[in-house]
Amino acid sequence: MTQSALDGLASLRAACIDTSSLIVCSKAGILERLAETCTLYTIRPVLVESGYRDAPVQLRPTPAGPAEVDDQLIACAIEVRLPVISEDRALLIKAADAGLAYYNALMMLNLLLLRGSLSPAAYGPHARLLLSAARYSAEVRQYGVAVYREILKRL
């Protein structure tokens, strides 16, 4: 199962990021580095909601129709067929239902390690910040650790 996650991360070049992940990645100190590694797209309502008006993202037009910001972001991701980065389980389920790949900030931290944008020594402090900012289940944390260990084997 971790192999499919690694394959997805290895091919990830761009994604739509939501409010929760903007906040968590920023608190973990990885948002700028993530934007240098993977093109991040979002919609203006996400920036307004997050308060990060100068976030390192590319703006996409806000789709007409849905009233909720999460639904607008999913509509945008579907339109451009890009994966979704979110900490919101309901949003990730919507992405999966739409046939889109999806990730959380923990997987983005693993992406930085995989791409060499973050050293194994720097991983720990960022992981602690991220885990204190996010509310992951034990299962999600365990999966993130399994992916991390697989990446270390490849370095």
Protein backbone atom coordinates (compact mmCIF):
# COMPACT_ATOMS: atom_id res chain seq x y z
CA MET A 1 0.00 0.00 0.00
CA THR A 2 2.85 2.39 0.72
CA GLN A 3 4.19 1.68 -2.76
CA SER A 4 1.14 3.26 -4.37
CA ALA A 5 1.55 6.30 -2.10
CA LEU A 6 5.21 6.58 -3.08
CA ASP A 7 4.32 6.28 -6.76
CA GLY A 8 1.73 9.03 -6.37
CA LEU A 9 4.15 11.29 -4.52
CA ALA A 10 6.91 10.65 -7.05
CA SER A 11 4.68 11.84 -9.89
CA LEU A 12 3.04 14.75 -8.04
CA ARG A 13 3.82 18.05 -9.78
CA ALA A 14 0.74 20.15 -8.96
CA ALA A 15 -2.28 20.03 -6.65
CA CYS A 16 -5.17 22.09 -5.31
CA ILE A 17 -4.66 22.98 -1.66
CA ASP A 18 -7.39 23.84 0.82
CA THR A 19 -7.54 26.11 3.85
CA SER A 20 -6.69 23.48 6.44
CA SER A 21 -3.53 22.35 4.65
CA LEU A 22 -2.39 25.91 4.01
CA ILE A 23 -2.61 26.53 7.74
CA VAL A 24 -0.99 23.25 8.82
CA CYS A 25 1.83 23.48 6.27
CA SER A 26 2.49 27.06 7.33
CA LYS A 27 2.57 26.14 11.03
CA ALA A 28 4.93 23.27 10.23
CA GLY A 29 7.23 25.64 8.35
CA ILE A 30 6.98 23.76 5.05
CA LEU A 31 4.56 25.81 2.95
CA GLU A 32 7.19 27.79 1.03
CA ARG A 33 9.33 24.73 0.40
CA LEU A 34 6.28 22.75 -0.69
CA ALA A 35 5.36 25.48 -3.19
CA GLU A 36 8.89 25.28 -4.61
CA THR A 37 8.55 21.51 -4.99
CA CYS A 38 4.97 21.24 -6.24
CA THR A 39 2.83 23.90 -7.90
CA LEU A 40 0.02 24.72 -5.51
CA TYR A 41 -3.29 25.97 -6.85
CA THR A 42 -6.23 27.28 -4.90
CA ILE A 43 -9.17 29.63 -5.17
CA ARG A 44 -9.54 33.10 -3.66
CA PRO A 45 -12.12 32.01 -1.03
CA VAL A 46 -9.50 29.62 0.41
CA LEU A 47 -7.03 32.48 0.81
CA VAL A 48 -9.71 34.64 2.43
CA GLU A 49 -10.72 31.81 4.77
CA SER A 50 -7.11 31.05 5.74
CA GLY A 51 -6.01 34.67 6.07
CA TYR A 52 -2.93 33.88 3.95
CA ARG A 53 -3.51 36.36 1.16
CA ASP A 54 0.14 36.21 0.12
CA ALA A 55 0.46 32.40 0.21
CA PRO A 56 2.76 30.91 -2.42
CA VAL A 57 -0.06 29.57 -4.59
CA GLN A 58 -1.41 30.07 -8.08
CA LEU A 59 -5.01 31.27 -8.13
CA ARG A 60 -7.61 29.48 -10.21
CA PRO A 61 -11.01 30.98 -10.99
CA THR A 62 -13.63 30.22 -8.37
CA PRO A 63 -16.22 27.91 -9.95
CA ALA A 64 -19.74 29.27 -10.13
CA GLY A 65 -22.42 27.29 -8.36
CA PRO A 66 -21.34 25.75 -5.08
CA ALA A 67 -21.72 28.03 -2.05
CA GLU A 68 -19.34 26.22 0.31
CA VAL A 69 -15.61 26.88 -0.08
CA ASP A 70 -14.80 23.16 0.11
CA ASP A 71 -17.25 22.40 -2.68
CA GLN A 72 -15.80 25.23 -4.76
CA LEU A 73 -12.29 23.83 -4.31
CA ILE A 74 -13.41 20.32 -5.28
CA ALA A 75 -15.16 21.73 -8.36
CA CYS A 76 -11.94 23.52 -9.27
CA ALA A 77 -9.83 20.37 -8.77
CA ILE A 78 -12.25 18.33 -10.89
CA GLU A 79 -12.17 20.96 -13.62
CA VAL A 80 -8.36 20.87 -13.87
CA ARG A 81 -8.05 17.18 -12.86
CA LEU A 82 -5.55 17.85 -10.08
CA PRO A 83 -5.07 16.07 -6.76
CA VAL A 84 -6.37 17.69 -3.58
CA ILE A 85 -4.34 18.49 -0.45
CA SER A 86 -6.51 18.76 2.66
CA GLU A 87 -6.68 17.87 6.33
CA ASP A 88 -10.47 17.65 6.08
CA ARG A 89 -11.59 14.01 5.86
CA ALA A 90 -14.92 14.97 4.26
CA LEU A 91 -13.11 16.91 1.54
CA LEU A 92 -10.72 14.02 0.92
CA ILE A 93 -13.70 11.67 0.54
CA LYS A 94 -15.22 14.05 -2.01
CA ALA A 95 -11.92 14.04 -3.91
CA ALA A 96 -11.83 10.24 -3.89
CA ASP A 97 -15.47 10.07 -5.02
CA ALA A 98 -14.54 12.36 -7.93
CA GLY A 99 -11.68 10.04 -8.90
CA LEU A 100 -8.99 12.49 -7.81
CA ALA A 101 -5.82 11.66 -5.93
CA TYR A 102 -5.66 13.25 -2.48
CA TYR A 103 -3.06 13.92 0.18
CA ASN A 104 -2.69 15.55 3.58
CA ALA A 105 0.09 17.74 4.96
CA LEU A 106 1.87 14.73 6.45
CA MET A 107 2.18 13.23 2.99
CA MET A 108 3.43 16.59 1.71
CA LEU A 109 6.15 16.48 4.36
CA ASN A 110 7.03 13.03 3.02
CA LEU A 111 7.05 14.46 -0.50
CA LEU A 112 9.66 17.02 0.55
CA LEU A 113 11.83 14.24 1.97
CA LEU A 114 11.38 12.09 -1.13
CA ARG A 115 12.36 14.95 -3.45
CA GLY A 116 15.38 15.93 -1.37
CA SER A 117 13.84 19.29 -0.48
CA LEU A 118 14.09 18.32 3.17
CA SER A 119 16.88 16.28 4.78
CA PRO A 120 16.17 13.37 7.11
CA ALA A 121 17.68 15.44 9.94
CA ALA A 122 15.31 18.35 9.25
CA TYR A 123 12.29 16.05 8.94
CA GLY A 124 11.82 15.47 12.68
CA PRO A 125 11.41 19.09 13.80
CA HIS A 126 8.97 19.81 10.95
CA ALA A 127 7.06 16.60 11.68
CA ARG A 128 6.67 17.59 15.34
CA LEU A 129 5.33 21.02 14.35
CA LEU A 130 2.99 19.46 11.81
CA LEU A 131 1.67 16.83 14.19
CA SER A 132 1.02 19.45 16.85
CA ALA A 133 -0.97 21.52 14.32
CA ALA A 134 -2.95 18.66 12.75
CA ARG A 135 -5.39 16.21 14.29
CA TYR A 136 -4.58 12.89 12.67
CA SER A 137 -5.93 9.54 13.77
CA ALA A 138 -3.45 6.91 14.91
CA GLU A 139 -4.04 5.11 11.62
CA VAL A 140 -3.14 8.18 9.54
CA ARG A 141 -0.02 8.78 11.64
CA GLN A 142 1.04 5.13 11.27
CA TYR A 143 0.58 5.28 7.52
CA GLY A 144 2.64 8.49 7.35
CA VAL A 145 5.41 6.79 9.35
CA ALA A 146 5.32 3.75 7.04
CA VAL A 147 5.71 6.00 3.98
CA TYR A 148 8.51 7.90 5.75
CA ARG A 149 10.38 4.64 6.46
CA GLU A 150 10.03 3.50 2.85
CA ILE A 151 11.44 6.82 1.66
CA LEU A 152 14.41 6.48 4.02
CA LYS A 153 15.18 3.07 2.52
CA ARG A 154 15.45 4.73 -0.90
CA LEU A 155 17.73 7.56 0.16
